[in-house]
Amino acid sequence: MASRFLWRLALVAALGWMLAGGSQAQTFTLTHNGWTYSEDVGSQGMGNFIDPNSVDHMYQNWWWFRTNLDGYEKPLANLVSIMSGGANSVNLVFTESAGNLSNALLFKIDYTLTGVSSTQAYVSIDWSVQNIYGQIPQPITVDFFAYSDFDLNGTPGGDSAFALSPFDIQYSEGSTVVDVIASSGNLLGYDIDNFPSLLNLLNDSAVYNVSGLMPSTVPGDMTNVFQWRATLNLGDTLSGGLRKMVTLGAPPGPVIPEPGTWALMLSGLAPVALRLRKKA
């Protein structure tokens, strides 16, 4: 835990130049049916996913992007608005630069927490990226990344993680299971690795792309990332979703999400699966 705390301090310090630009840290908290989900938007999504027994299962959920005009990934940082939709939902809006083009991209992210029962809850996240740079209209290729770090049962170590499919990463520790399910349209794939390996790849000054691979050693302090890509002309939008589902007291073996959850995420799965097989 001490090394994790020191790493968090280093991360916040590295982001000081962004926070010093007048943008205040923004925290939101969602509640539903005894469950709580929260994030600190100003600290790259450091947050909690707390069950009705007051056990926290999440360390971080955050978003990164890169364009064809950038040589590295950048975290979402320029928060324009944060608007509550009630106790269990919130909307975030960001405008970000593409290379030297200021305010070229509009990001919208909607969170909704649903407490299904005392033993299961999920957060549905709908996101979109739009090319809004009209001064000199030009296509912008956008890579969008969703990063997750779950600490099941309130502990950073001891998690196992593997891919149930190219768009469903499942974490498990004891009888607690988390499924992180990505929309498959424009999805390039995923990576799974120990903390902080993936976050360091996103947070350095080089281009990073997913490989569809998992680490050689498990269990551990597991993290995962999904990557989407599209080329956007002025007004075009890249959109998708992410669902993070916590199940307590799960039976041994993989927990397969309910059919309704799969149906939300199946669009375009076959091309993604084919690309990942070619990489193997």
C-alpha atoms as a PDB file:
ATOM      1  CA  MET A   1       0.000   0.000   0.000  1.00  0.00           C
ATOM      2  CA  ALA A   2       2.910   2.357   0.756  1.00  0.00           C
ATOM      3  CA  SER A   3       4.325   2.037  -2.775  1.00  0.00           C
ATOM      4  CA  ARG A   4       0.864   2.669  -4.219  1.00  0.00           C
ATOM      5  CA  PHE A   5       0.510   5.815  -2.096  1.00  0.00           C
ATOM      6  CA  LEU A   6       3.913   7.115  -3.238  1.00  0.00           C
ATOM      7  CA  TRP A   7       3.064   6.388  -6.865  1.00  0.00           C
ATOM      8  CA  ARG A   8      -0.196   8.312  -6.487  1.00  0.00           C
ATOM      9  CA  LEU A   9       1.690  11.323  -5.092  1.00  0.00           C
ATOM     10  CA  ALA A  10       4.112  11.176  -8.023  1.00  0.00           C
ATOM     11  CA  LEU A  11       1.236  11.022 -10.503  1.00  0.00           C
ATOM     12  CA  VAL A  12      -0.524  14.012  -8.971  1.00  0.00           C
ATOM     13  CA  ALA A  13       2.739  15.976  -8.969  1.00  0.00           C
ATOM     14  CA  ALA A  14       3.330  15.142 -12.643  1.00  0.00           C
ATOM     15  CA  LEU A  15      -0.103  16.533 -13.443  1.00  0.00           C
ATOM     16  CA  GLY A  16       0.441  19.758 -11.523  1.00  0.00           C
ATOM     17  CA  TRP A  17       0.879  21.810 -14.668  1.00  0.00           C
ATOM     18  CA  MET A  18      -2.611  20.850 -15.792  1.00  0.00           C
ATOM     19  CA  LEU A  19      -4.275  21.507 -12.468  1.00  0.00           C
ATOM     20  CA  ALA A  20      -2.464  24.830 -12.068  1.00  0.00           C
ATOM     21  CA  GLY A  21      -4.189  26.198 -15.167  1.00  0.00           C
ATOM     22  CA  GLY A  22      -7.266  27.227 -13.201  1.00  0.00           C
ATOM     23  CA  SER A  23      -9.088  23.878 -13.410  1.00  0.00           C
ATOM     24  CA  GLN A  24     -10.273  22.789  -9.969  1.00  0.00           C
ATOM     25  CA  ALA A  25     -10.398  19.142  -8.972  1.00  0.00           C
ATOM     26  CA  GLN A  26     -13.939  17.845  -9.422  1.00  0.00           C
ATOM     27  CA  THR A  27     -15.337  14.888  -7.534  1.00  0.00           C
ATOM     28  CA  PHE A  28     -18.653  13.206  -8.141  1.00  0.00           C
ATOM     29  CA  THR A  29     -20.411  10.541  -6.079  1.00  0.00           C
ATOM     30  CA  LEU A  30     -23.224   8.283  -7.291  1.00  0.00           C
ATOM     31  CA  THR A  31     -25.436   6.196  -5.023  1.00  0.00           C
ATOM     32  CA  HIS A  32     -28.082   3.560  -5.704  1.00  0.00           C
ATOM     33  CA  ASN A  33     -29.592   0.720  -3.670  1.00  0.00           C
ATOM     34  CA  GLY A  34     -26.812   0.710  -1.049  1.00  0.00           C
ATOM     35  CA  TRP A  35     -23.926   0.967  -3.565  1.00  0.00           C
ATOM     36  CA  THR A  36     -21.616   3.985  -4.048  1.00  0.00           C
ATOM     37  CA  TYR A  37     -19.457   4.950  -7.029  1.00  0.00           C
ATOM     38  CA  SER A  38     -17.174   8.014  -6.996  1.00  0.00           C
ATOM     39  CA  GLU A  39     -14.326   9.577  -8.990  1.00  0.00           C
ATOM     40  CA  ASP A  40     -12.004  12.545  -8.578  1.00  0.00           C
ATOM     41  CA  VAL A  41     -11.962  13.991 -12.082  1.00  0.00           C
ATOM     42  CA  GLY A  42      -9.043  16.275 -11.239  1.00  0.00           C
ATOM     43  CA  SER A  43      -6.849  13.318 -10.220  1.00  0.00           C
ATOM     44  CA  GLN A  44      -7.298  11.078 -13.253  1.00  0.00           C
ATOM     45  CA  GLY A  45     -10.292   9.206 -11.982  1.00  0.00           C
ATOM     46  CA  MET A  46      -9.023   8.045  -8.606  1.00  0.00           C
ATOM     47  CA  GLY A  47     -12.181   6.642  -7.131  1.00  0.00           C
ATOM     48  CA  ASN A  48     -14.248   4.041  -5.336  1.00  0.00           C
ATOM     49  CA  PHE A  49     -16.833   1.371  -6.082  1.00  0.00           C
ATOM     50  CA  ILE A  50     -18.222   0.556  -2.622  1.00  0.00           C
ATOM     51  CA  ASP A  51     -20.632  -2.280  -1.882  1.00  0.00           C
ATOM     52  CA  PRO A  52     -23.406  -2.212   0.774  1.00  0.00           C
ATOM     53  CA  ASN A  53     -20.921  -3.723   3.275  1.00  0.00           C
ATOM     54  CA  SER A  54     -18.669  -0.620   2.877  1.00  0.00           C
ATOM     55  CA  VAL A  55     -15.942  -2.558   1.031  1.00  0.00           C
ATOM     56  CA  ASP A  56     -14.254  -0.625  -1.809  1.00  0.00           C
ATOM     57  CA  HIS A  57     -13.408  -2.630  -4.973  1.00  0.00           C
ATOM     58  CA  MET A  58     -11.889   0.052  -7.265  1.00  0.00           C
ATOM     59  CA  TYR A  59      -8.779   2.211  -7.302  1.00  0.00           C
ATOM     60  CA  GLN A  60      -9.023   4.092 -10.620  1.00  0.00           C
ATOM     61  CA  ASN A  61     -11.091   4.540 -13.791  1.00  0.00           C
ATOM     62  CA  TRP A  62      -9.771   6.991 -16.354  1.00  0.00           C
ATOM     63  CA  TRP A  63      -9.683   8.097 -19.978  1.00  0.00           C
ATOM     64  CA  TRP A  64      -6.795   8.850 -22.327  1.00  0.00           C
ATOM     65  CA  PHE A  65      -6.620   9.842 -25.987  1.00  0.00           C
ATOM     66  CA  ARG A  66      -4.208  10.488 -28.843  1.00  0.00           C
ATOM     67  CA  THR A  67      -4.663  11.983 -32.306  1.00  0.00           C
ATOM     68  CA  ASN A  68      -2.684  11.777 -35.541  1.00  0.00           C
ATOM     69  CA  LEU A  69      -1.346  15.233 -34.594  1.00  0.00           C
ATOM     70  CA  ASP A  70       0.118  13.939 -31.286  1.00  0.00           C
ATOM     71  CA  GLY A  71       3.116  11.713 -30.621  1.00  0.00           C
ATOM     72  CA  TYR A  72       1.881  10.400 -27.263  1.00  0.00           C
ATOM     73  CA  GLU A  73      -1.263   9.774 -25.219  1.00  0.00           C
ATOM     74  CA  LYS A  74      -2.875  12.478 -23.075  1.00  0.00           C
ATOM     75  CA  PRO A  75      -5.351  12.158 -20.202  1.00  0.00           C
ATOM     76  CA  LEU A  76      -8.620  14.032 -20.375  1.00  0.00           C
ATOM     77  CA  ALA A  77      -7.829  17.208 -18.443  1.00  0.00           C
ATOM     78  CA  ASN A  78      -9.862  20.215 -19.614  1.00  0.00           C
ATOM     79  CA  LEU A  79     -13.178  19.723 -17.807  1.00  0.00           C
ATOM     80  CA  VAL A  80     -15.832  22.133 -19.109  1.00  0.00           C
ATOM     81  CA  SER A  81     -18.821  21.004 -17.069  1.00  0.00           C
ATOM     82  CA  ILE A  82     -19.999  18.369 -14.639  1.00  0.00           C
ATOM     83  CA  MET A  83     -23.757  18.007 -14.270  1.00  0.00           C
ATOM     84  CA  SER A  84     -25.697  15.704 -11.980  1.00  0.00           C
ATOM     85  CA  GLY A  85     -28.605  13.772 -13.439  1.00  0.00           C
ATOM     86  CA  GLY A  86     -29.804  12.635 -10.037  1.00  0.00           C
ATOM     87  CA  ALA A  87     -28.395  10.523  -7.219  1.00  0.00           C
ATOM     88  CA  ASN A  88     -27.118   7.800  -9.556  1.00  0.00           C
ATOM     89  CA  SER A  89     -26.041   9.615 -12.749  1.00  0.00           C
ATOM     90  CA  VAL A  90     -23.690  12.361 -13.914  1.00  0.00           C
ATOM     91  CA  ASN A  91     -22.537  13.949 -17.186  1.00  0.00           C
ATOM     92  CA  LEU A  92     -18.977  15.171 -17.830  1.00  0.00           C
ATOM     93  CA  VAL A  93     -17.924  17.379 -20.759  1.00  0.00           C
ATOM     94  CA  PHE A  94     -14.314  18.050 -21.811  1.00  0.00           C
ATOM     95  CA  THR A  95     -12.758  20.006 -24.685  1.00  0.00           C
ATOM     96  CA  GLU A  96      -9.256  18.949 -25.658  1.00  0.00           C
ATOM     97  CA  SER A  97      -6.583  19.912 -28.162  1.00  0.00           C
ATOM     98  CA  ALA A  98      -5.387  17.819 -31.102  1.00  0.00           C
ATOM     99  CA  GLY A  99      -1.717  18.646 -31.505  1.00  0.00           C
ATOM    100  CA  ASN A 100      -1.615  22.445 -31.819  1.00  0.00           C
ATOM    101  CA  LEU A 101      -5.328  22.731 -32.628  1.00  0.00           C
ATOM    102  CA  SER A 102      -6.938  24.146 -29.487  1.00  0.00           C
ATOM    103  CA  ASN A 103     -10.403  22.930 -28.443  1.00  0.00           C
ATOM    104  CA  ALA A 104     -10.542  20.601 -31.428  1.00  0.00           C
ATOM    105  CA  LEU A 105     -12.308  17.686 -29.732  1.00  0.00           C
ATOM    106  CA  LEU A 106     -15.458  17.533 -27.614  1.00  0.00           C
ATOM    107  CA  PHE A 107     -15.704  14.620 -25.168  1.00  0.00           C
ATOM    108  CA  LYS A 108     -18.959  13.704 -23.397  1.00  0.00           C
ATOM    109  CA  ILE A 109     -19.095  10.979 -20.737  1.00  0.00           C
ATOM    110  CA  ASP A 110     -22.279   9.850 -18.976  1.00  0.00           C
ATOM    111  CA  TYR A 111     -22.171   7.598 -15.895  1.00  0.00           C
ATOM    112  CA  THR A 112     -25.138   5.700 -14.410  1.00  0.00           C
ATOM    113  CA  LEU A 113     -24.878   3.476 -11.318  1.00  0.00           C
ATOM    114  CA  THR A 114     -27.392   0.639 -10.949  1.00  0.00           C
ATOM    115  CA  GLY A 115     -27.503  -1.356  -7.745  1.00  0.00           C
ATOM    116  CA  VAL A 116     -29.142  -4.587  -8.912  1.00  0.00           C
ATOM    117  CA  SER A 117     -29.142  -6.184  -5.448  1.00  0.00           C
ATOM    118  CA  SER A 118     -27.046  -6.329  -2.287  1.00  0.00           C
ATOM    119  CA  THR A 119     -24.573  -8.568  -4.148  1.00  0.00           C
ATOM    120  CA  GLN A 120     -24.430  -6.996  -7.628  1.00  0.00           C
ATOM    121  CA  ALA A 121     -24.136  -3.539  -9.180  1.00  0.00           C
ATOM    122  CA  TYR A 122     -22.858  -2.001 -12.376  1.00  0.00           C
ATOM    123  CA  VAL A 123     -21.821   1.375 -13.725  1.00  0.00           C
ATOM    124  CA  SER A 124     -22.808   2.038 -17.331  1.00  0.00           C
ATOM    125  CA  ILE A 125     -20.644   4.653 -19.052  1.00  0.00           C
ATOM    126  CA  ASP A 126     -21.599   6.128 -22.436  1.00  0.00           C
ATOM    127  CA  TRP A 127     -18.922   8.239 -24.099  1.00  0.00           C
ATOM    128  CA  SER A 128     -18.456  10.184 -27.341  1.00  0.00           C
ATOM    129  CA  VAL A 129     -15.677  12.132 -29.068  1.00  0.00           C
ATOM    130  CA  GLN A 130     -16.537  14.741 -31.713  1.00  0.00           C
ATOM    131  CA  ASN A 131     -14.354  16.717 -34.118  1.00  0.00           C
ATOM    132  CA  ILE A 132     -15.422  20.342 -33.554  1.00  0.00           C
ATOM    133  CA  TYR A 133     -12.426  22.158 -35.083  1.00  0.00           C
ATOM    134  CA  GLY A 134     -14.027  24.365 -37.747  1.00  0.00           C
ATOM    135  CA  GLN A 135     -11.341  26.995 -38.311  1.00  0.00           C
ATOM    136  CA  ILE A 136      -9.561  24.893 -40.917  1.00  0.00           C
ATOM    137  CA  PRO A 137     -11.734  21.755 -41.271  1.00  0.00           C
ATOM    138  CA  GLN A 138      -9.616  18.635 -41.499  1.00  0.00           C
ATOM    139  CA  PRO A 139      -9.972  14.965 -40.564  1.00  0.00           C
ATOM    140  CA  ILE A 140      -8.590  14.004 -37.155  1.00  0.00           C
ATOM    141  CA  THR A 141      -7.811  10.395 -36.278  1.00  0.00           C
ATOM    142  CA  VAL A 142      -8.599   9.759 -32.623  1.00  0.00           C
ATOM    143  CA  ASP A 143      -7.453   6.884 -30.424  1.00  0.00           C
ATOM    144  CA  PHE A 144      -9.469   6.667 -27.203  1.00  0.00           C
ATOM    145  CA  PHE A 145      -8.401   4.592 -24.189  1.00  0.00           C
ATOM    146  CA  ALA A 146     -10.370   3.381 -21.146  1.00  0.00           C
ATOM    147  CA  TYR A 147      -8.133   2.388 -18.221  1.00  0.00           C
ATOM    148  CA  SER A 148      -9.366   0.404 -15.183  1.00  0.00           C
ATOM    149  CA  ASP A 149      -7.709  -0.622 -11.928  1.00  0.00           C
ATOM    150  CA  PHE A 150      -9.928  -2.714  -9.648  1.00  0.00           C
ATOM    151  CA  ASP A 151      -8.774  -3.681  -6.145  1.00  0.00           C
ATOM    152  CA  LEU A 152     -11.265  -6.393  -5.299  1.00  0.00           C
ATOM    153  CA  ASN A 153     -12.238  -6.866  -1.654  1.00  0.00           C
ATOM    154  CA  GLY A 154     -10.388  -3.688  -0.685  1.00  0.00           C
ATOM    155  CA  THR A 155      -6.896  -5.067  -1.377  1.00  0.00           C
ATOM    156  CA  PRO A 156      -4.577  -4.091  -4.280  1.00  0.00           C
ATOM    157  CA  GLY A 157      -2.950  -7.528  -4.654  1.00  0.00           C
ATOM    158  CA  GLY A 158      -4.242 -11.013  -5.263  1.00  0.00           C
ATOM    159  CA  ASP A 159      -6.477 -10.214  -8.237  1.00  0.00           C
ATOM    160  CA  SER A 160      -6.599 -12.453 -11.294  1.00  0.00           C
ATOM    161  CA  ALA A 161      -7.691 -11.066 -14.651  1.00  0.00           C
ATOM    162  CA  PHE A 162      -8.279 -12.568 -18.072  1.00  0.00           C
ATOM    163  CA  ALA A 163     -10.276 -11.950 -21.254  1.00  0.00           C
ATOM    164  CA  LEU A 164     -13.615 -13.751 -21.497  1.00  0.00           C
ATOM    165  CA  SER A 165     -13.804 -12.229 -24.978  1.00  0.00           C
ATOM    166  CA  PRO A 166     -12.039  -9.417 -26.859  1.00  0.00           C
ATOM    167  CA  PHE A 167     -14.410  -6.962 -25.169  1.00  0.00           C
ATOM    168  CA  ASP A 168     -14.951  -8.481 -21.696  1.00  0.00           C
ATOM    169  CA  ILE A 169     -12.144  -8.443 -19.116  1.00  0.00           C
ATOM    170  CA  GLN A 170     -12.952 -10.284 -15.909  1.00  0.00           C
ATOM    171  CA  TYR A 171     -11.214  -9.721 -12.556  1.00  0.00           C
ATOM    172  CA  SER A 172     -11.638 -12.160  -9.670  1.00  0.00           C
ATOM    173  CA  GLU A 173     -10.483 -12.520  -6.096  1.00  0.00           C
ATOM    174  CA  GLY A 174     -12.080 -15.159  -3.910  1.00  0.00           C
ATOM    175  CA  SER A 175     -15.831 -15.026  -4.569  1.00  0.00           C
ATOM    176  CA  THR A 176     -15.794 -11.420  -5.855  1.00  0.00           C
ATOM    177  CA  VAL A 177     -15.861 -10.873  -9.626  1.00  0.00           C
ATOM    178  CA  VAL A 178     -15.736  -7.724 -11.761  1.00  0.00           C
ATOM    179  CA  ASP A 179     -16.528  -7.656 -15.483  1.00  0.00           C
ATOM    180  CA  VAL A 180     -15.305  -4.675 -17.512  1.00  0.00           C
ATOM    181  CA  ILE A 181     -17.235  -4.851 -20.786  1.00  0.00           C
ATOM    182  CA  ALA A 182     -16.415  -2.586 -23.745  1.00  0.00           C
ATOM    183  CA  SER A 183     -18.516  -1.694 -26.775  1.00  0.00           C
ATOM    184  CA  SER A 184     -16.979  -3.426 -29.772  1.00  0.00           C
ATOM    185  CA  GLY A 185     -17.570  -0.871 -32.542  1.00  0.00           C
ATOM    186  CA  ASN A 186     -14.184   0.637 -33.602  1.00  0.00           C
ATOM    187  CA  LEU A 187     -12.508  -1.362 -30.808  1.00  0.00           C
ATOM    188  CA  LEU A 188      -8.871  -2.238 -31.534  1.00  0.00           C
ATOM    189  CA  GLY A 189      -8.517  -4.522 -28.522  1.00  0.00           C
ATOM    190  CA  TYR A 190      -7.297  -4.696 -24.963  1.00  0.00           C
ATOM    191  CA  ASP A 191      -4.276  -5.213 -22.728  1.00  0.00           C
ATOM    192  CA  ILE A 192      -4.080  -6.649 -19.196  1.00  0.00           C
ATOM    193  CA  ASP A 193      -1.054  -6.168 -16.970  1.00  0.00           C
ATOM    194  CA  ASN A 194       0.096  -5.529 -13.417  1.00  0.00           C
ATOM    195  CA  PHE A 195      -0.091  -2.016 -11.931  1.00  0.00           C
ATOM    196  CA  PRO A 196       1.458   0.340 -12.912  1.00  0.00           C
ATOM    197  CA  SER A 197       2.736  -1.106 -16.210  1.00  0.00           C
ATOM    198  CA  LEU A 198      -0.177  -0.065 -18.425  1.00  0.00           C
ATOM    199  CA  LEU A 199      -0.558   3.309 -16.770  1.00  0.00           C
ATOM    200  CA  ASN A 200       3.136   4.017 -17.325  1.00  0.00           C
ATOM    201  CA  LEU A 201       2.712   3.205 -21.040  1.00  0.00           C
ATOM    202  CA  LEU A 202      -0.131   5.704 -21.260  1.00  0.00           C
ATOM    203  CA  ASN A 203       1.675   8.297 -19.153  1.00  0.00           C
ATOM    204  CA  ASP A 204       5.039   8.402 -20.954  1.00  0.00           C
ATOM    205  CA  SER A 205       6.007  10.462 -24.018  1.00  0.00           C
ATOM    206  CA  ALA A 206       5.783   7.645 -26.584  1.00  0.00           C
ATOM    207  CA  VAL A 207       2.991   6.154 -28.683  1.00  0.00           C
ATOM    208  CA  TYR A 208       1.289   3.145 -27.103  1.00  0.00           C
ATOM    209  CA  ASN A 209      -1.161   0.741 -28.751  1.00  0.00           C
ATOM    210  CA  VAL A 210      -2.855  -2.329 -27.306  1.00  0.00           C
ATOM    211  CA  SER A 211      -1.553  -5.764 -28.267  1.00  0.00           C
ATOM    212  CA  GLY A 212      -4.353  -8.035 -27.044  1.00  0.00           C
ATOM    213  CA  LEU A 213      -1.958  -9.701 -24.625  1.00  0.00           C
ATOM    214  CA  MET A 214      -1.948 -10.569 -20.949  1.00  0.00           C
ATOM    215  CA  PRO A 215       0.971 -10.594 -18.472  1.00  0.00           C
ATOM    216  CA  SER A 216       3.050 -13.685 -17.857  1.00  0.00           C
ATOM    217  CA  THR A 217       2.391 -13.696 -14.106  1.00  0.00           C
ATOM    218  CA  VAL A 218      -0.975 -13.737 -12.303  1.00  0.00           C
ATOM    219  CA  PRO A 219      -2.470 -13.124  -9.838  1.00  0.00           C
ATOM    220  CA  GLY A 220      -1.306  -9.675  -8.821  1.00  0.00           C
ATOM    221  CA  ASP A 221      -2.393  -6.044  -8.778  1.00  0.00           C
ATOM    222  CA  MET A 222      -4.170  -6.259 -12.109  1.00  0.00           C
ATOM    223  CA  THR A 223      -5.211  -3.459 -14.494  1.00  0.00           C
ATOM    224  CA  ASN A 224      -6.656  -3.340 -18.001  1.00  0.00           C
ATOM    225  CA  VAL A 225      -7.109  -0.948 -20.909  1.00  0.00           C
ATOM    226  CA  PHE A 226      -9.323  -0.879 -24.020  1.00  0.00           C
ATOM    227  CA  GLN A 227      -8.531   1.143 -27.168  1.00  0.00           C
ATOM    228  CA  TRP A 228     -10.876   2.482 -29.880  1.00  0.00           C
ATOM    229  CA  ARG A 229      -9.936   4.348 -33.100  1.00  0.00           C
ATOM    230  CA  ALA A 230     -11.738   6.346 -35.795  1.00  0.00           C
ATOM    231  CA  THR A 231     -10.974   9.133 -38.271  1.00  0.00           C
ATOM    232  CA  LEU A 232     -13.374  12.045 -37.776  1.00  0.00           C
ATOM    233  CA  ASN A 233     -14.228  14.815 -40.214  1.00  0.00           C
ATOM    234  CA  LEU A 234     -15.729  18.034 -38.868  1.00  0.00           C
ATOM    235  CA  GLY A 235     -18.865  17.120 -36.920  1.00  0.00           C
ATOM    236  CA  ASP A 236     -18.193  13.360 -36.967  1.00  0.00           C
ATOM    237  CA  THR A 237     -18.407  11.421 -33.695  1.00  0.00           C
ATOM    238  CA  LEU A 238     -16.713   8.330 -32.305  1.00  0.00           C
ATOM    239  CA  SER A 239     -18.901   6.843 -29.569  1.00  0.00           C
ATOM    240  CA  GLY A 240     -19.077   3.776 -27.388  1.00  0.00           C
ATOM    241  CA  GLY A 241     -19.674   2.459 -23.932  1.00  0.00           C
ATOM    242  CA  LEU A 242     -18.211   0.668 -20.972  1.00  0.00           C
ATOM    243  CA  ARG A 243     -19.985  -1.353 -18.290  1.00  0.00           C
ATOM    244  CA  LYS A 244     -18.287  -2.214 -14.983  1.00  0.00           C
ATOM    245  CA  MET A 245     -20.162  -4.883 -13.045  1.00  0.00           C
ATOM    246  CA  VAL A 246     -19.285  -6.063  -9.518  1.00  0.00           C
ATOM    247  CA  THR A 247     -20.646  -9.417  -8.344  1.00  0.00           C
ATOM    248  CA  LEU A 248     -20.190 -10.501  -4.728  1.00  0.00           C
ATOM    249  CA  GLY A 249     -20.334 -14.144  -3.645  1.00  0.00           C
ATOM    250  CA  ALA A 250     -19.916 -15.406  -7.198  1.00  0.00           C
ATOM    251  CA  PRO A 251     -19.696 -19.193  -7.745  1.00  0.00           C
ATOM    252  CA  PRO A 252     -16.326 -20.694  -8.785  1.00  0.00           C
ATOM    253  CA  GLY A 253     -15.432 -20.217 -12.440  1.00  0.00           C
ATOM    254  CA  PRO A 254     -16.181 -17.413 -14.914  1.00  0.00           C
ATOM    255  CA  VAL A 255     -19.299 -15.345 -14.300  1.00  0.00           C
ATOM    256  CA  ILE A 256     -20.962 -14.792 -17.663  1.00  0.00           C
ATOM    257  CA  PRO A 257     -22.836 -11.461 -17.862  1.00  0.00           C
ATOM    258  CA  GLU A 258     -26.586 -11.643 -18.384  1.00  0.00           C
ATOM    259  CA  PRO A 259     -27.871 -11.665 -22.003  1.00  0.00           C
ATOM    260  CA  GLY A 260     -29.049  -8.060 -21.798  1.00  0.00           C
ATOM    261  CA  THR A 261     -25.530  -6.928 -20.955  1.00  0.00           C
ATOM    262  CA  TRP A 262     -24.028  -8.865 -23.866  1.00  0.00           C
ATOM    263  CA  ALA A 263     -26.632  -7.490 -26.280  1.00  0.00           C
ATOM    264  CA  LEU A 264     -25.587  -3.907 -25.486  1.00  0.00           C
ATOM    265  CA  MET A 265     -21.990  -4.657 -26.435  1.00  0.00           C
ATOM    266  CA  LEU A 266     -22.156  -7.094 -29.392  1.00  0.00           C
ATOM    267  CA  SER A 267     -22.153  -4.649 -32.334  1.00  0.00           C
ATOM    268  CA  GLY A 268     -19.144  -5.258 -34.584  1.00  0.00           C
ATOM    269  CA  LEU A 269     -17.678  -8.077 -32.466  1.00  0.00           C
ATOM    270  CA  ALA A 270     -16.716 -10.346 -35.372  1.00  0.00           C
ATOM    271  CA  PRO A 271     -14.253  -7.888 -37.021  1.00  0.00           C
ATOM    272  CA  VAL A 272     -12.627  -7.194 -33.640  1.00  0.00           C
ATOM    273  CA  ALA A 273     -12.216 -10.893 -32.876  1.00  0.00           C
ATOM    274  CA  LEU A 274     -10.686 -11.452 -36.329  1.00  0.00           C
ATOM    275  CA  ARG A 275      -8.141  -8.635 -35.833  1.00  0.00           C
ATOM    276  CA  LEU A 276      -7.117 -10.017 -32.457  1.00  0.00           C
ATOM    277  CA  ARG A 277      -6.662 -13.518 -33.848  1.00  0.00           C
ATOM    278  CA  LYS A 278      -4.390 -12.121 -36.558  1.00  0.00           C
ATOM    279  CA  LYS A 279      -2.234 -10.467 -33.863  1.00  0.00           C
ATOM    280  CA  ALA A 280      -1.807 -13.710 -31.911  1.00  0.00           C
END
